[in-house]
Protein backbone atom coordinates (compact mmCIF):
# COMPACT_ATOMS: atom_id res chain seq x y z
CA MET A 1 60.57 137.65 94.19
CA SER A 2 64.08 137.73 92.87
CA ALA A 3 66.18 134.62 93.32
CA ALA A 4 69.36 136.64 93.65
CA THR A 5 71.07 136.80 97.01
CA THR A 6 73.35 139.37 98.49
CA GLN A 7 76.68 138.97 100.21
CA VAL A 8 76.87 141.47 103.02
CA PRO A 9 80.37 142.98 103.32
CA THR A 10 81.63 143.24 106.86
CA ARG A 11 82.22 146.79 108.02
CA ARG A 12 85.94 147.22 108.81
CA SER A 13 85.67 150.31 110.93
CA LYS A 14 83.07 152.62 112.36
CA VAL A 15 84.38 155.16 114.75
CA GLN A 16 87.97 156.03 113.95
CA HIS A 17 87.89 159.07 116.17
CA VAL A 18 87.68 156.78 119.20
CA ARG A 19 91.28 155.77 118.62
CA LYS A 20 94.10 158.11 119.43
CA THR A 21 97.58 158.17 118.04
CA ILE A 22 99.73 156.78 120.82
CA PRO A 23 103.17 158.38 121.07
CA LEU A 24 105.92 155.92 121.96
CA LEU A 25 108.18 157.26 124.63
CA ILE A 26 111.05 154.85 124.27
CA ALA A 27 113.25 155.16 121.20
CA PRO A 28 114.25 151.46 120.93
CA ALA A 29 110.58 150.49 121.01
CA VAL A 30 109.91 152.68 117.99
CA LEU A 31 112.52 150.85 115.93
CA LEU A 32 111.29 147.44 116.98
CA LEU A 33 107.60 148.18 116.49
CA ALA A 34 108.22 149.39 112.95
CA GLY A 35 108.73 145.83 111.83
CA CYS A 36 106.08 144.08 113.89
CA GLY A 37 103.90 141.49 112.15
CA VAL A 38 100.13 141.47 111.90
CA MET A 39 98.62 138.35 113.44
CA GLU A 40 94.93 139.27 113.02
CA PRO A 41 93.39 137.16 110.22
CA THR A 42 91.29 138.59 107.42
CA LEU A 43 87.76 139.17 108.61
CA PRO A 44 85.44 136.66 106.89
CA GLU A 45 82.52 137.94 104.86
CA ALA A 46 79.02 137.16 106.03
CA GLU A 47 76.80 135.21 103.63
CA PRO A 48 73.28 135.32 105.10
CA GLY A 49 71.67 134.31 101.81
CA ILE A 50 68.78 136.76 101.97
CA PRO A 51 66.86 137.78 98.82
CA VAL A 52 67.36 141.18 97.27
CA ASP A 53 63.61 141.85 97.15
CA TRP A 54 61.05 141.50 99.90
CA PRO A 55 58.53 138.64 99.53
CA LEU A 56 55.11 140.28 99.46
CA PRO A 57 51.76 138.47 99.36
CA PRO A 58 49.85 138.67 96.06
CA THR A 59 46.99 141.13 95.83
CA SER A 60 43.60 139.43 95.75
CA THR A 61 41.21 140.29 92.96
CA GLY A 62 38.89 143.05 94.02
CA SER A 63 40.75 143.84 97.21
CA ALA A 64 42.03 147.23 98.10
CA HIS A 65 45.68 147.72 97.19
CA PRO A 66 47.69 149.93 99.54
CA VAL A 67 49.00 153.13 98.09
CA VAL A 68 52.79 153.24 97.75
CA HIS A 69 54.31 156.55 98.83
CA GLU A 70 57.65 158.08 98.13
CA VAL A 71 59.94 158.40 101.15
CA THR A 72 62.28 161.34 100.87
CA GLN A 73 64.18 160.59 104.07
CA ASP A 74 65.94 157.43 105.17
CA VAL A 75 63.98 155.71 107.92
CA ALA A 76 67.17 155.33 109.97
CA GLU A 77 67.48 159.11 110.05
CA ILE A 78 63.89 159.78 111.14
CA GLY A 79 63.84 160.67 114.81
CA TRP A 80 61.02 159.47 117.01
CA ARG A 81 59.80 163.05 117.43
CA GLU A 82 59.34 163.23 113.67
CA PHE A 83 57.68 159.83 113.38
CA PHE A 84 55.15 160.07 116.22
CA SER A 85 52.55 162.78 115.87
CA ASP A 86 50.55 162.66 119.11
CA PRO A 87 51.86 165.14 121.74
CA GLU A 88 50.80 162.89 124.64
CA LEU A 89 52.70 159.96 123.17
CA GLU A 90 55.78 162.12 122.61
CA GLN A 91 55.69 163.18 126.25
CA LEU A 92 55.38 159.56 127.39
CA ILE A 93 58.36 158.53 125.25
CA GLU A 94 60.42 161.39 126.63
CA LEU A 95 59.62 160.33 130.19
CA ALA A 96 60.55 156.73 129.38
CA LEU A 97 63.90 157.73 127.89
CA GLU A 98 64.68 159.71 131.03
CA ASN A 99 63.48 157.27 133.70
CA ASN A 100 63.28 153.71 132.36
CA ARG A 101 65.52 151.45 134.44
CA ASP A 102 66.29 148.93 131.69
CA LEU A 103 67.56 151.72 129.44
CA ARG A 104 69.58 153.11 132.34
CA VAL A 105 71.28 149.73 132.78
CA ALA A 106 72.08 149.62 129.05
CA VAL A 107 73.67 153.08 129.21
CA LEU A 108 75.70 152.12 132.28
CA ASN A 109 76.94 149.03 130.45
CA VAL A 110 78.27 151.35 127.75
CA GLU A 111 80.10 153.39 130.40
CA ARG A 112 81.57 150.21 131.84
CA ALA A 113 82.71 149.01 128.40
CA ARG A 114 84.30 152.41 127.73
CA ALA A 115 86.23 152.22 131.01
CA LEU A 116 87.45 148.68 130.23
CA TYR A 117 88.63 149.86 126.83
CA ARG A 118 90.60 152.68 128.42
CA ILE A 119 92.21 150.20 130.80
CA GLN A 120 93.21 147.91 127.95
CA ARG A 121 94.44 150.79 125.80
CA ALA A 122 96.76 151.89 128.62
CA ASP A 123 98.84 148.71 128.08
CA ARG A 124 100.10 150.17 124.80
CA LEU A 125 101.92 152.93 126.70
CA PRO A 126 104.75 152.59 129.22
CA SER A 127 103.71 153.12 132.82
CA LEU A 128 105.93 155.68 134.56
CA ASP A 129 106.15 155.43 138.35
CA ALA A 130 107.93 157.74 140.74
CA THR A 131 109.08 156.22 144.04
CA ALA A 132 110.86 157.55 147.11
CA THR A 133 112.19 155.11 149.72
CA MET A 134 114.28 155.04 152.84
CA THR A 135 116.03 151.82 153.79
CA ARG A 136 117.36 151.40 157.34
CA THR A 137 119.50 148.38 158.24
CA GLY A 138 120.70 147.15 161.65
CA SER A 139 123.34 144.62 162.65
CA ASN A 140 125.85 143.76 165.39
CA ASN A 141 128.50 144.87 162.93
CA ALA A 142 128.70 148.67 163.07
CA PHE A 143 130.05 148.85 159.54
CA VAL A 144 126.86 147.50 157.96
CA GLN A 145 124.48 149.65 159.93
CA GLY A 146 122.91 152.78 158.44
CA GLN A 147 120.18 154.10 156.19
CA THR A 148 119.81 154.84 152.47
CA TYR A 149 117.52 157.29 150.68
CA ARG A 150 116.42 156.68 147.06
CA ALA A 151 114.30 158.62 144.57
CA GLU A 152 113.57 156.91 141.23
CA LEU A 153 111.51 157.32 138.07
CA GLY A 154 110.97 154.03 136.29
CA VAL A 155 109.14 151.94 133.70
CA ALA A 156 107.76 148.66 135.05
CA ALA A 157 107.29 145.63 132.76
CA TYR A 158 106.48 147.42 129.50
CA GLU A 159 105.87 144.88 126.73
CA LEU A 160 107.19 145.67 123.27
CA ASP A 161 104.26 144.76 121.03
CA LEU A 162 106.35 143.12 118.31
CA PHE A 163 103.61 140.81 117.00
CA GLY A 164 100.52 142.87 117.80
CA ARG A 165 99.25 140.94 120.83
CA VAL A 166 98.53 144.06 122.90
CA ARG A 167 97.22 145.92 119.85
CA ASN A 168 94.80 143.09 119.04
CA LEU A 169 93.58 142.93 122.64
CA THR A 170 93.00 146.69 122.54
CA GLU A 171 91.18 146.36 119.22
CA ALA A 172 88.97 143.59 120.64
CA GLN A 173 88.08 145.74 123.64
CA LEU A 174 87.31 148.69 121.36
CA ARG A 175 84.94 146.57 119.27
CA THR A 176 83.31 145.25 122.43
CA TYR A 177 82.74 148.82 123.54
CA LEU A 178 81.21 149.75 120.18
CA ALA A 179 79.00 146.66 120.30
CA GLN A 180 77.77 147.73 123.73
CA GLU A 181 76.95 151.17 122.31
CA GLU A 182 74.81 149.53 119.63
CA ALA A 183 73.13 147.41 122.30
CA ALA A 184 72.17 150.59 124.13
CA ARG A 185 70.80 152.12 120.92
CA SER A 186 68.83 148.96 120.28
CA ALA A 187 67.44 149.10 123.82
CA GLN A 188 66.40 152.72 123.27
CA LEU A 189 64.68 151.87 119.99
CA SER A 190 62.88 148.93 121.60
CA LEU A 191 61.77 151.14 124.49
CA VAL A 192 60.32 153.74 122.12
CA ALA A 193 58.41 151.02 120.28
CA GLU A 194 57.15 149.46 123.52
CA VAL A 195 55.84 152.80 124.79
CA ALA A 196 54.14 153.46 121.46
CA ASN A 197 52.52 150.02 121.40
CA ALA A 198 51.41 150.34 125.03
CA TRP A 199 49.89 153.74 124.24
CA LEU A 200 48.13 152.31 121.18
CA THR A 201 46.77 149.43 123.26
CA LEU A 202 45.46 151.94 125.78
CA GLN A 203 43.74 153.94 123.03
CA ALA A 204 42.17 150.79 121.58
CA ASP A 205 40.93 149.57 124.98
CA ARG A 206 39.50 153.01 125.75
CA GLU A 207 37.64 152.94 122.42
CA LEU A 208 36.36 149.43 123.13
CA GLN A 209 35.30 150.64 126.58
CA ARG A 210 33.39 153.51 124.97
CA ILE A 211 31.68 151.10 122.54
CA ALA A 212 30.71 148.81 125.43
CA GLU A 213 29.31 151.76 127.39
CA ALA A 214 27.20 152.83 124.41
CA ALA A 215 26.05 149.24 123.88
CA LEU A 216 25.17 148.92 127.57
CA ALA A 217 23.05 152.06 127.44
CA ASN A 218 21.37 150.89 124.23
CA ARG A 219 20.72 147.41 125.64
CA GLY A 220 19.23 148.97 128.77
CA GLU A 221 16.75 150.93 126.68
CA GLU A 222 15.96 147.81 124.65
CA LEU A 223 15.34 145.81 127.83
CA ALA A 224 13.06 148.47 129.30
CA LEU A 225 11.08 148.60 126.05
CA THR A 226 10.85 144.80 125.88
CA GLU A 227 9.62 144.60 129.49
CA LYS A 228 6.84 147.09 128.70
CA ARG A 229 5.92 145.11 125.59
CA PHE A 230 5.89 141.92 127.69
CA GLU A 231 3.54 143.54 130.25
CA LEU A 232 1.22 144.51 127.40
CA GLY A 233 1.39 141.04 125.90
CA ALA A 234 3.23 142.19 122.76
CA ALA A 235 6.44 140.32 123.62
CA SER A 236 7.18 136.87 125.02
CA ARG A 237 9.18 135.89 128.09
CA LEU A 238 11.86 134.56 125.72
CA GLU A 239 12.31 137.97 124.09
CA GLU A 240 12.58 139.60 127.51
CA ASN A 241 15.32 137.16 128.60
CA GLN A 242 17.16 137.55 125.31
CA ALA A 243 17.22 141.33 125.84
CA ARG A 244 18.53 140.78 129.35
CA ILE A 245 21.27 138.48 127.97
CA GLU A 246 22.43 141.20 125.59
CA LEU A 247 22.44 143.73 128.44
CA GLU A 248 24.56 141.56 130.74
CA THR A 249 26.92 140.68 127.89
CA ALA A 250 27.58 144.37 127.28
CA ARG A 251 28.00 144.90 131.03
CA ALA A 252 30.58 142.08 131.25
CA ASP A 253 32.45 143.51 128.26
CA LEU A 254 32.50 146.92 129.92
CA TRP A 255 34.04 145.49 133.09
CA GLN A 256 36.59 143.60 131.00
CA PHE A 257 37.68 146.66 129.03
CA THR A 258 37.77 148.75 132.20
CA GLY A 259 40.23 146.28 133.69
CA GLN A 260 42.30 146.29 130.52
CA VAL A 261 42.50 150.08 130.59
CA ALA A 262 43.80 149.92 134.16
CA GLN A 263 46.41 147.35 133.10
CA ASP A 264 47.45 149.62 130.22
CA HIS A 265 47.98 152.46 132.67
CA ASN A 266 50.17 150.22 134.81
CA ALA A 267 52.21 149.13 131.77
CA LEU A 268 52.88 152.74 130.79
CA ARG A 269 53.88 153.62 134.35
CA LEU A 270 56.38 150.77 134.35
CA LEU A 271 57.82 151.75 130.98
CA THR A 272 58.12 155.42 131.88
CA GLY A 273 59.51 154.60 135.31
CA THR A 274 57.61 157.44 136.98
CA PRO A 275 54.07 158.26 138.17
CA LEU A 276 51.95 159.70 135.37
CA GLN A 277 49.47 162.55 135.56
CA LYS A 278 45.88 161.54 134.96
CA GLU A 279 45.49 164.17 132.23
CA LEU A 280 48.29 162.53 130.24
CA LEU A 281 46.30 159.29 129.83
CA SER A 282 42.76 160.63 129.52
CA GLY A 283 42.92 162.78 126.39
CA PRO A 284 40.81 162.22 123.29
CA VAL A 285 41.10 158.75 121.80
CA ASP A 286 43.38 158.82 118.75
CA MET A 287 44.44 155.66 116.91
CA GLN A 288 46.75 157.52 114.49
CA VAL A 289 50.28 157.01 115.79
CA SER A 290 52.26 158.68 113.01
CA GLY A 291 51.80 161.58 110.67
CA LEU A 292 54.22 160.16 108.09
CA ASP A 293 53.16 158.23 105.02
CA PRO A 294 53.54 154.43 105.10
CA LEU A 295 56.91 153.17 103.96
CA PRO A 296 57.06 151.60 100.50
CA PRO A 297 57.92 147.92 99.95
CA ALA A 298 60.46 148.84 97.25
CA MET A 299 63.47 149.06 99.57
CA PRO A 300 66.77 147.17 99.24
CA SER A 301 67.56 144.58 101.87
CA ALA A 302 70.88 146.36 102.52
CA VAL A 303 69.00 148.72 104.86
CA LEU A 304 69.20 145.93 107.44
CA LEU A 305 72.88 146.70 107.98
CA ARG A 306 71.92 149.90 109.77
CA ARG A 307 69.93 148.17 112.47
CA PRO A 308 71.60 148.54 115.90
CA ASP A 309 71.33 144.84 116.73
CA VAL A 310 72.93 143.87 113.40
CA MET A 311 75.74 146.35 113.96
CA GLN A 312 76.19 144.98 117.48
CA ALA A 313 76.63 141.48 116.08
CA GLU A 314 79.10 142.81 113.53
CA PHE A 315 81.25 144.52 116.15
CA THR A 316 81.15 141.35 118.24
CA LEU A 317 82.47 139.46 115.22
CA GLN A 318 85.28 141.99 114.78
CA ALA A 319 86.19 141.68 118.46
CA ALA A 320 86.35 137.90 118.19
CA ASN A 321 88.56 138.18 115.10
CA ALA A 322 90.95 140.49 116.96
CA ASN A 323 91.15 137.94 119.79
CA VAL A 324 92.31 135.37 117.22
CA GLY A 325 95.18 137.70 116.35
CA ALA A 326 96.12 138.00 120.04
CA ALA A 327 96.05 134.21 120.41
CA ARG A 328 98.33 133.84 117.37
CA ALA A 329 100.79 136.40 118.72
CA ALA A 330 101.10 134.41 121.95
CA PHE A 331 103.08 131.76 120.04
CA PHE A 332 105.93 134.22 119.42
CA PRO A 333 108.54 135.64 121.80
CA SER A 334 107.73 138.68 123.89
CA ILE A 335 110.13 141.31 125.21
CA THR A 336 109.43 143.15 128.44
CA LEU A 337 111.40 146.22 129.49
CA THR A 338 111.91 147.35 133.07
CA GLY A 339 114.15 150.31 133.86
CA SER A 340 114.60 153.24 136.16
CA VAL A 341 116.72 156.33 136.71
CA GLY A 342 117.15 158.19 139.97
CA THR A 343 119.43 159.13 142.78
CA ALA A 344 120.54 157.51 146.03
CA SER A 345 122.41 158.76 149.10
CA ASN A 346 123.07 157.87 152.71
CA GLU A 347 122.11 161.40 153.71
CA LEU A 348 118.76 162.94 152.92
CA SER A 349 120.34 166.35 152.42
CA ASN A 350 122.67 164.92 149.74
CA LEU A 351 119.98 162.96 147.88
CA PHE A 352 120.08 165.15 144.80
CA ALA A 353 123.74 166.12 145.02
CA SER A 354 126.20 165.57 142.19
CA GLY A 355 127.47 162.03 141.81
CA THR A 356 124.46 160.28 143.35
CA ASP A 357 122.83 159.25 140.05
CA ILE A 358 121.74 155.63 139.67
CA TRP A 359 120.06 153.72 136.83
CA SER A 360 118.96 150.25 135.93
CA PHE A 361 117.82 148.56 132.69
CA ILE A 362 116.34 145.04 132.81
CA PRO A 363 115.15 143.65 129.46
CA GLN A 364 113.42 140.27 129.64
CA VAL A 365 112.77 137.90 126.73
CA ASN A 366 110.04 135.27 127.12
CA LEU A 367 110.17 132.45 124.56
CA PRO A 368 107.34 129.90 124.80
CA ILE A 369 108.81 126.42 124.35
CA PHE A 370 106.46 123.92 125.98
CA GLN A 371 103.02 124.94 127.22
CA GLY A 372 101.28 121.57 127.27
CA GLY A 373 98.92 122.56 124.43
CA ARG A 374 97.67 125.66 126.24
CA LEU A 375 98.52 128.07 123.42
CA ARG A 376 97.05 125.80 120.74
CA GLY A 377 93.88 125.33 122.79
CA ASN A 378 93.57 129.07 123.32
CA LEU A 379 93.91 129.67 119.56
CA ASP A 380 91.36 126.98 118.72
CA ALA A 381 88.91 128.43 121.25
CA SER A 382 89.39 131.93 119.82
CA MET A 383 88.78 130.70 116.28
CA ALA A 384 85.67 128.81 117.40
CA GLU A 385 84.36 131.96 119.11
CA ARG A 386 85.03 133.89 115.90
CA ASP A 387 83.08 131.34 113.86
CA ILE A 388 80.23 131.46 116.39
CA ALA A 389 80.16 135.25 116.15
CA LEU A 390 80.07 135.00 112.34
CA ALA A 391 77.12 132.60 112.47
CA GLU A 392 75.31 134.86 114.95
CA TYR A 393 75.95 137.86 112.70
CA GLU A 394 74.45 136.03 109.72
CA ARG A 395 71.54 134.87 111.85
CA SER A 396 70.88 138.45 113.03
CA ILE A 397 70.67 139.57 109.40
CA GLN A 398 68.31 136.71 108.54
CA ALA A 399 66.11 137.48 111.56
CA ALA A 400 66.08 141.16 110.64
CA PHE A 401 65.05 140.28 107.08
CA ARG A 402 62.16 138.18 108.34
CA GLU A 403 60.95 140.91 110.71
CA VAL A 404 60.99 143.55 107.99
CA ALA A 405 59.37 141.16 105.48
CA ASP A 406 56.61 140.34 107.98
CA ALA A 407 56.00 144.01 108.71
CA LEU A 408 55.87 144.87 105.00
CA ALA A 409 53.53 141.95 104.35
CA PHE A 410 51.16 143.18 107.06
CA THR A 411 51.42 146.72 105.68
CA HIS A 412 50.35 145.26 102.34
CA THR A 413 47.37 143.34 103.76
CA LEU A 414 46.19 145.44 106.72
CA ALA A 415 45.36 148.36 104.43
CA GLY A 416 42.91 146.18 102.53
CA GLN A 417 41.62 144.62 105.73
CA SER A 418 41.02 148.06 107.27
CA ALA A 419 39.10 149.21 104.20
CA ALA A 420 36.98 146.06 104.34
CA ARG A 421 36.29 146.54 108.06
CA GLU A 422 35.18 150.12 107.48
CA ALA A 423 32.84 149.01 104.70
CA LEU A 424 31.53 146.22 106.95
CA LEU A 425 30.84 148.68 109.77
CA GLU A 426 28.99 151.03 107.44
CA ALA A 427 26.83 148.17 106.17
CA ALA A 428 26.19 146.94 109.73
CA GLU A 429 25.10 150.42 110.84
CA ASN A 430 22.68 150.66 107.90
CA ALA A 431 21.35 147.16 108.57
CA ASP A 432 20.88 147.94 112.28
CA GLU A 433 18.93 151.10 111.50
CA LEU A 434 16.70 149.27 109.01
CA SER A 435 16.18 146.41 111.45
CA ARG A 436 15.17 148.82 114.21
CA ARG A 437 12.57 150.46 111.98
CA ARG A 438 11.16 147.15 110.76
CA TYR A 439 11.01 145.81 114.32
CA GLU A 440 9.20 148.90 115.59
CA ALA A 441 6.80 148.62 112.66
CA GLY A 442 6.20 144.95 113.47
CA SER A 443 7.63 143.67 110.17
CA ASP A 444 10.47 141.65 111.77
CA SER A 445 10.79 139.54 114.87
CA TYR A 446 12.97 140.41 117.85
CA LEU A 447 15.46 137.70 116.82
CA VAL A 448 16.21 139.62 113.62
CA ARG A 449 16.68 142.77 115.71
CA LEU A 450 19.10 141.01 118.05
CA ASP A 451 21.08 139.62 115.15
CA SER A 452 21.59 143.07 113.63
CA GLN A 453 22.67 144.48 117.01
CA ARG A 454 25.21 141.71 117.49
CA THR A 455 26.57 142.20 113.98
CA LEU A 456 27.02 145.94 114.55
CA TYR A 457 28.68 145.41 117.96
CA SER A 458 31.05 142.84 116.49
CA ALA A 459 31.88 145.08 113.50
CA GLN A 460 32.72 148.00 115.80
CA GLN A 461 35.10 145.87 117.87
CA ALA A 462 36.67 144.29 114.79
CA LEU A 463 37.44 147.69 113.27
CA VAL A 464 39.16 148.85 116.46
CA SER A 465 41.26 145.67 116.52
CA THR A 466 42.22 146.12 112.86
CA LEU A 467 43.21 149.77 113.40
CA LEU A 468 45.29 148.73 116.40
CA ALA A 469 47.05 146.05 114.35
CA GLN A 470 47.65 148.50 111.50
CA GLN A 471 49.18 151.19 113.70
CA SER A 472 51.19 148.69 115.75
CA ASN A 473 52.57 147.30 112.51
CA ARG A 474 53.73 150.78 111.50
CA VAL A 475 55.57 151.06 114.81
CA SER A 476 57.08 147.60 114.27
CA LEU A 477 58.21 148.52 110.76
CA TYR A 478 59.82 151.69 112.07
CA LYS A 479 61.61 149.64 114.73
CA VAL A 480 62.79 146.74 112.56
CA LEU A 481 64.21 149.13 109.97
CA GLY A 482 66.40 150.70 112.66
CA GLY A 483 64.69 154.07 112.85
CA GLY A 484 64.65 156.49 115.71
CA TRP A 485 68.37 156.92 116.21
CA GLN A 486 68.26 160.68 116.48
């Protein structure tokens, strides 16, 4: 493992097309904004201190070493339809993406964040309001009685963004919106992985159920044979009871796996958010989740920057940094413009006649002098939130590194474990066949026969568990590397 560490540069921008060039409608504002200062501080660089290489366990002498394959396509660009090969699983994932309620909430949160950004962005433009009023006055003095009609077009309280306060608030809201988008993408990726793992668990439990059914039928035949041997005096009462124990053990396992299969069905129904057809969950058992080759361990740790949750933390950091700029700008004067143009007349028919024009222009300067420490406290809180966001960003990178390292380590070891389990099962099947023949020939006792049956039954279950762990680890590796965006 290399001792070198990487400094992860913070991404300055992601979606420039989200912004729009905002035309300024007031000529004096253009001149003033040309010289406005930038209060947003330089975005700090994250230093997660992660190694360049992945820490992999050493290969044991004599153990099977997993084959390293070339990957011609970036995992982040591999869509879930390309990664998953089973048509039933693809259909389940599609149903989940359409109907899952948690994913729907995540998408609606993105819509809400987009709307809030549009609201905040509107503050950078003057608000034009058209009003029409009639004022009627009454008094004992006949000279002050009457009515007035007014029609005006005005700008209400438009702030000249001299020091970037409004711009920084808009930038913070934009980054919050982008972070929410990444949260939705992360939720989608997690949902795809959950459906795949639930489907794999169902396949494994169905295979274990099949093994238990076969064992139950085999134990039933063994018990019937032992009872006949006991009636003929060729077997003892102990051997008969031991055969019955094996039968009831297989029966209990069958009931257990039947219940687990039902629970797996319920889990998939919850994830997909819709009732499922029976044919969709009762196809042939297949423990192969993906048709792609395993990913190689020789990947740079910089791939972590493409994970949606890491990008979400980065955008959150950028939003917090923009809020610091807004808090700094609050220390400086602000200028608010209010003005209107229109027409006024005592007669409605003369409202737009010549000589009835009116206008007003009300600039307002706000200079903070004494705030009782409010502005300083707001700035300190914003800087603390920025530092918290930086620490969370670094922590997200570290957590991502550990998840990928764990998945790669299991990829490295589960291949050897699977090969060993397959060899163990083959040896157990051969030993069980030899034991059966020797027992029928009278060369071995029934205890030796029982021991070989138990070894074979255990080897069958262990291989299914190892295959489940191996395929689930492939799904986990696909998830932790940020795949499935398309």
